[in-house]
């Protein structure tokens, strides 16, 4: 399990999405073991819209 803590804003969200898609394909193809990831946004300036967008993306 991987736990990612953020100040609430992911500067490279599009790169994270691309990596996540490739990782999912590798897992499906048996090239990578299954993993669990947790994203935690902390601080006073958490970008809730960005966190929600990432969560919606990860459910696809």
Protein backbone atom coordinates (compact mmCIF):
# COMPACT_ATOMS: atom_id res chain seq x y z
CA UNK A 1 0.00 0.00 0.00
CA UNK A 2 1.21 3.47 -0.89
CA UNK A 3 0.08 6.55 0.98
CA UNK A 4 0.55 9.92 -0.71
CA UNK A 5 0.21 13.06 1.35
CA UNK A 6 -0.23 16.38 -0.41
CA UNK A 7 -0.58 19.99 0.59
CA UNK A 8 -3.91 19.72 -1.19
CA UNK A 9 -2.82 20.69 -4.70
CA UNK A 10 -1.23 18.34 -7.22
CA UNK A 11 0.83 20.44 -9.64
CA UNK A 12 1.34 17.58 -12.10
CA UNK A 13 -2.13 16.03 -12.02
CA UNK A 14 -2.15 15.23 -15.75
CA UNK A 15 1.17 13.38 -15.45
CA UNK A 16 -0.20 11.46 -12.46
CA UNK A 17 -3.24 10.47 -14.51
CA UNK A 18 -1.06 9.26 -17.42
CA UNK A 19 1.13 7.24 -15.06
CA UNK A 20 -1.94 5.76 -13.36
CA UNK A 21 -3.42 4.67 -16.68
CA UNK A 22 -0.15 2.99 -17.69
CA UNK A 23 0.16 1.32 -14.28
CA UNK A 24 -3.40 -0.04 -14.54
CA UNK A 25 -2.62 -1.45 -18.00
CA UNK A 26 0.56 -3.08 -16.67
CA UNK A 27 -1.36 -4.63 -13.76
CA UNK A 28 -4.04 -5.95 -16.14
CA UNK A 29 -1.33 -7.44 -18.37
CA UNK A 30 0.37 -9.12 -15.41
CA UNK A 31 3.48 -6.94 -15.70
CA UNK A 32 3.02 -5.36 -12.28
CA UNK A 33 1.56 -6.57 -8.99
CA UNK A 34 -1.71 -5.14 -7.69
CA UNK A 35 -1.25 -2.13 -5.40
CA UNK A 36 -3.43 0.07 -3.25
CA UNK A 37 -2.91 3.83 -3.15
CA UNK A 38 -4.32 6.38 -0.74
CA UNK A 39 -4.24 10.11 -1.45
CA UNK A 40 -4.56 12.47 1.51
CA UNK A 41 -4.82 16.24 1.08
CA UNK A 42 -3.95 18.29 4.15
CA UNK A 43 -3.73 21.97 4.90
CA UNK A 44 -5.87 25.06 4.64
CA UNK A 45 -5.70 25.28 0.84
CA UNK A 46 -6.84 21.80 -0.18
CA UNK A 47 -8.14 21.93 -3.75
CA UNK A 48 -11.28 19.86 -3.19
CA UNK A 49 -12.26 20.02 -6.87
CA UNK A 50 -8.92 18.56 -7.90
CA UNK A 51 -9.11 15.78 -5.30
CA UNK A 52 -12.67 14.91 -6.38
CA UNK A 53 -11.63 14.96 -10.06
CA UNK A 54 -8.82 12.53 -9.29
CA UNK A 55 -11.16 10.24 -7.36
CA UNK A 56 -13.68 10.22 -10.22
CA UNK A 57 -10.83 9.51 -12.65
CA UNK A 58 -9.56 6.60 -10.53
CA UNK A 59 -13.00 4.92 -10.54
CA UNK A 60 -12.91 4.56 -14.35
